[in-house]
């Protein structure tokens, strides 16, 4: 016969495990956000000048409609250009399939917003945020940049940038309303825990590094 006392003991163990997971999630999120907030800028006129902006990729469309996250990132990047805050763009995204190319979509979107094609370099192997940040330094030789992505994504991106030895600040001028981004924002809580584990426990590396590419940043005329 099952010991009736074993169930409460098991229940307490499960509760302690759940409490541990919650505490770990809260601690990692608090740390990542707290150490990044001071480097995030929400208006283009106050962003310090940098030679390069790294624009992080996402799918341009969700089903048959525009992806608001993609549109916001492109709008932010274009405003940085118009304000004269950056002189070159490194657009980094997923081009792991022949018929799916985030970097080309970003390039076209920026050109449509008035950014000259000659100041855009494409990184086709930015499969994850970690990959994009490490490759910016190790492949393209960029040590100082502005990261352009969504408001909820910037703390993790800046955390990974520091871990990769990149002096980074963040820019996000367009927010997607909570009712249209709740699922993504909640998922980001756990992505931040994964980022901490990638850096301090797993030593995760980019899928591809490859040969060094010279990023030609044009001097202002």
Protein backbone atom coordinates (compact mmCIF):
# COMPACT_ATOMS: atom_id res chain seq x y z
CA UNK A 1 0.00 0.00 0.00
CA UNK A 2 1.36 3.46 -0.92
CA UNK A 3 2.60 5.45 2.03
CA UNK A 4 0.17 8.34 2.51
CA UNK A 5 3.02 10.52 3.81
CA UNK A 6 4.96 10.20 0.57
CA UNK A 7 2.50 12.32 -1.43
CA UNK A 8 2.84 15.48 0.68
CA UNK A 9 6.62 15.04 0.56
CA UNK A 10 6.50 14.72 -3.22
CA UNK A 11 4.19 17.71 -3.47
CA UNK A 12 6.58 19.80 -1.39
CA UNK A 13 9.49 18.76 -3.60
CA UNK A 14 7.59 19.78 -6.72
CA UNK A 15 6.65 23.10 -5.15
CA UNK A 16 10.31 23.76 -4.25
CA UNK A 17 11.37 22.91 -7.81
CA UNK A 18 8.74 25.25 -9.23
CA UNK A 19 9.79 28.00 -6.84
CA UNK A 20 13.40 27.49 -7.91
CA UNK A 21 12.52 27.85 -11.58
CA UNK A 22 10.53 31.00 -10.90
CA UNK A 23 13.33 32.48 -8.79
CA UNK A 24 15.94 31.67 -11.45
CA UNK A 25 13.79 33.23 -14.18
CA UNK A 26 13.19 36.39 -12.16
CA UNK A 27 16.87 36.70 -11.19
CA UNK A 28 18.14 36.29 -14.75
CA UNK A 29 15.60 38.76 -16.13
CA UNK A 30 16.36 41.30 -13.40
CA UNK A 31 20.08 41.03 -14.06
CA UNK A 32 19.86 41.25 -17.85
CA UNK A 33 17.44 44.19 -17.78
CA UNK A 34 19.17 46.10 -14.97
CA UNK A 35 22.58 45.93 -16.61
CA UNK A 36 21.24 47.05 -20.02
CA UNK A 37 18.64 49.74 -19.37
CA UNK A 38 21.09 52.65 -19.19
CA UNK A 39 22.35 51.86 -22.71
CA UNK A 40 18.91 51.86 -24.39
CA UNK A 41 17.73 54.96 -26.26
CA UNK A 42 14.11 55.61 -27.20
CA UNK A 43 14.49 58.73 -29.38
CA UNK A 44 16.89 59.25 -32.29
CA UNK A 45 18.09 62.73 -31.31
CA UNK A 46 19.71 61.50 -28.09
CA UNK A 47 21.48 58.44 -29.51
CA UNK A 48 25.28 58.84 -29.41
CA UNK A 49 26.91 58.73 -32.86
CA UNK A 50 28.31 55.38 -33.92
CA UNK A 51 29.83 54.29 -37.21
CA UNK A 52 27.80 51.07 -37.43
CA UNK A 53 24.28 49.99 -36.59
CA UNK A 54 23.58 46.28 -36.29
CA UNK A 55 19.98 45.58 -37.31
CA UNK A 56 18.74 42.24 -36.02
CA UNK A 57 16.54 40.22 -38.32
CA UNK A 58 13.08 38.75 -38.08
CA UNK A 59 10.56 37.54 -40.63
CA UNK A 60 9.10 40.42 -42.67
CA UNK A 61 5.64 38.87 -42.80
CA UNK A 62 3.45 36.71 -40.58
CA UNK A 63 1.07 34.74 -42.80
CA UNK A 64 -0.40 37.34 -45.14
CA UNK A 65 0.22 40.45 -43.06
CA UNK A 66 3.22 42.61 -42.27
CA UNK A 67 5.24 41.74 -39.20
CA UNK A 68 5.02 44.77 -36.90
CA UNK A 69 8.31 43.82 -35.22
CA UNK A 70 10.09 43.90 -38.59
CA UNK A 71 8.48 47.21 -39.54
CA UNK A 72 9.47 48.80 -36.23
CA UNK A 73 13.09 47.73 -36.56
CA UNK A 74 13.31 49.11 -40.10
CA UNK A 75 11.68 52.39 -39.08
CA UNK A 76 14.12 52.79 -36.19
CA UNK A 77 17.14 52.07 -38.40
CA UNK A 78 15.96 54.54 -41.05
CA UNK A 79 15.49 57.27 -38.46
CA UNK A 80 19.04 56.75 -37.22
CA UNK A 81 20.25 57.32 -40.78
CA UNK A 82 18.12 60.41 -41.30
CA UNK A 83 19.37 61.90 -38.02
CA UNK A 84 22.97 61.25 -39.06
CA UNK A 85 23.62 58.98 -36.09
CA UNK A 86 25.20 56.10 -38.03
CA UNK A 87 27.14 55.75 -41.27
CA UNK A 88 26.80 52.05 -42.04
CA UNK A 89 24.34 49.22 -41.43
CA UNK A 90 25.10 45.57 -40.79
CA UNK A 91 21.82 43.70 -41.29
CA UNK A 92 22.05 40.27 -39.70
CA UNK A 93 19.44 37.55 -40.08
CA UNK A 94 18.49 34.06 -41.14
CA UNK A 95 19.23 32.97 -44.69
CA UNK A 96 19.38 29.28 -43.96
CA UNK A 97 16.99 28.36 -46.77
CA UNK A 98 17.14 29.32 -50.41
CA UNK A 99 13.66 30.80 -50.42
CA UNK A 100 13.95 32.60 -47.07
CA UNK A 101 16.31 35.56 -46.70
CA UNK A 102 15.77 38.00 -43.83
CA UNK A 103 18.82 40.07 -44.76
CA UNK A 104 17.61 40.79 -48.29
CA UNK A 105 14.22 41.78 -46.93
CA UNK A 106 15.90 44.16 -44.47
CA UNK A 107 18.12 45.64 -47.15
CA UNK A 108 15.15 46.28 -49.44
CA UNK A 109 13.10 47.77 -46.61
CA UNK A 110 15.88 50.17 -45.64
CA UNK A 111 16.47 51.24 -49.23
CA UNK A 112 12.72 51.89 -49.56
CA UNK A 113 13.02 54.14 -46.49
CA UNK A 114 15.80 56.22 -48.02
CA UNK A 115 18.96 54.43 -46.84
CA UNK A 116 21.53 54.08 -49.68
CA UNK A 117 22.27 50.47 -50.64
CA UNK A 118 26.02 51.22 -50.60
CA UNK A 119 25.99 51.62 -46.80
CA UNK A 120 24.32 48.26 -46.10
CA UNK A 121 26.25 45.03 -45.50
CA UNK A 122 24.38 41.73 -45.19
CA UNK A 123 25.25 39.01 -42.68
CA UNK A 124 23.44 35.90 -43.91
CA UNK A 125 24.35 33.75 -40.89
CA UNK A 126 22.64 35.66 -38.10
CA UNK A 127 20.53 32.68 -37.09
CA UNK A 128 20.26 33.77 -33.45
CA UNK A 129 20.90 36.94 -31.49
CA UNK A 130 24.07 35.39 -30.09
CA UNK A 131 25.30 34.55 -33.60
CA UNK A 132 24.70 38.09 -34.84
CA UNK A 133 26.57 39.75 -31.98
CA UNK A 134 29.56 37.41 -31.98
CA UNK A 135 29.85 37.54 -35.77
CA UNK A 136 29.69 41.35 -35.74
CA UNK A 137 32.98 41.34 -33.85
CA UNK A 138 34.70 38.16 -35.02
CA UNK A 139 33.74 38.21 -38.71
CA UNK A 140 33.08 41.87 -39.50
CA UNK A 141 35.51 43.39 -36.99
CA UNK A 142 32.97 45.75 -35.41
CA UNK A 143 33.78 46.56 -31.79
CA UNK A 144 31.45 49.50 -31.24
CA UNK A 145 27.88 49.73 -32.55
CA UNK A 146 24.21 50.55 -32.11
CA UNK A 147 21.92 47.52 -31.88
CA UNK A 148 18.55 48.04 -33.55
CA UNK A 149 15.74 45.72 -32.49
CA UNK A 150 12.55 45.73 -30.41
CA UNK A 151 12.29 47.24 -26.93
CA UNK A 152 11.74 43.83 -25.29
CA UNK A 153 14.65 42.29 -27.22
CA UNK A 154 17.28 44.95 -26.53
CA UNK A 155 18.25 43.95 -22.96
CA UNK A 156 19.18 40.43 -24.08
CA UNK A 157 20.94 41.70 -27.21
CA UNK A 158 23.05 44.16 -25.19
CA UNK A 159 23.84 41.49 -22.60
CA UNK A 160 25.10 39.19 -25.38
CA UNK A 161 27.00 42.07 -26.98
CA UNK A 162 28.94 42.73 -23.77
CA UNK A 163 29.64 39.03 -23.41
CA UNK A 164 31.06 39.05 -26.96
CA UNK A 165 33.32 42.00 -26.19
CA UNK A 166 31.27 44.52 -28.19
CA UNK A 167 30.72 48.06 -26.92
CA UNK A 168 27.02 48.36 -27.73
CA UNK A 169 24.13 50.71 -27.14
CA UNK A 170 20.56 50.01 -28.19
CA UNK A 171 17.90 51.88 -30.14
CA UNK A 172 14.17 51.15 -30.28
CA UNK A 173 11.81 53.95 -31.27
CA UNK A 174 8.77 51.93 -32.34
CA UNK A 175 6.95 49.69 -29.83
CA UNK A 176 4.45 47.02 -30.79
CA UNK A 177 1.44 47.30 -28.42
CA UNK A 178 1.25 44.71 -25.66
CA UNK A 179 -1.99 43.19 -26.96
CA UNK A 180 -0.21 42.35 -30.21
CA UNK A 181 3.06 41.21 -28.65
CA UNK A 182 2.16 39.60 -25.32
CA UNK A 183 3.14 36.06 -26.33
CA UNK A 184 6.50 37.22 -27.67
CA UNK A 185 7.24 39.33 -24.60
CA UNK A 186 6.45 36.46 -22.22
CA UNK A 187 8.62 34.09 -24.28
CA UNK A 188 11.46 36.59 -23.97
CA UNK A 189 11.55 36.06 -20.20
CA UNK A 190 12.77 32.53 -20.82
CA UNK A 191 15.04 33.56 -23.69
CA UNK A 192 16.94 35.76 -21.24
CA UNK A 193 17.50 32.77 -18.96
CA UNK A 194 18.78 30.83 -21.98
CA UNK A 195 21.13 33.70 -22.85
CA UNK A 196 22.66 33.63 -19.37
CA UNK A 197 23.08 29.86 -19.64
CA UNK A 198 24.62 30.17 -23.12
CA UNK A 199 27.25 32.60 -21.84
CA UNK A 200 28.09 31.24 -18.38
CA UNK A 201 27.23 27.54 -18.50
CA UNK A 202 27.12 26.22 -22.06
CA UNK A 203 29.71 28.38 -23.82
CA UNK A 204 27.47 28.45 -26.90
CA UNK A 205 29.17 29.46 -30.16
CA UNK A 206 27.69 30.73 -33.45
CA UNK A 207 26.72 28.11 -35.99
CA UNK A 208 29.13 29.66 -38.49
CA UNK A 209 32.05 32.04 -38.20
CA UNK A 210 34.07 31.80 -41.41
CA UNK A 211 36.66 34.19 -42.79
CA UNK A 212 37.02 37.81 -41.75
CA UNK A 213 35.14 40.32 -43.91
CA UNK A 214 36.23 43.94 -44.11
CA UNK A 215 33.34 46.27 -43.30
CA UNK A 216 33.90 49.41 -45.38
CA UNK A 217 32.48 52.34 -43.49
CA UNK A 218 32.50 55.45 -45.65
CA UNK A 219 33.89 58.63 -44.14
CA UNK A 220 31.48 61.57 -44.05
CA UNK A 221 31.87 63.93 -47.00
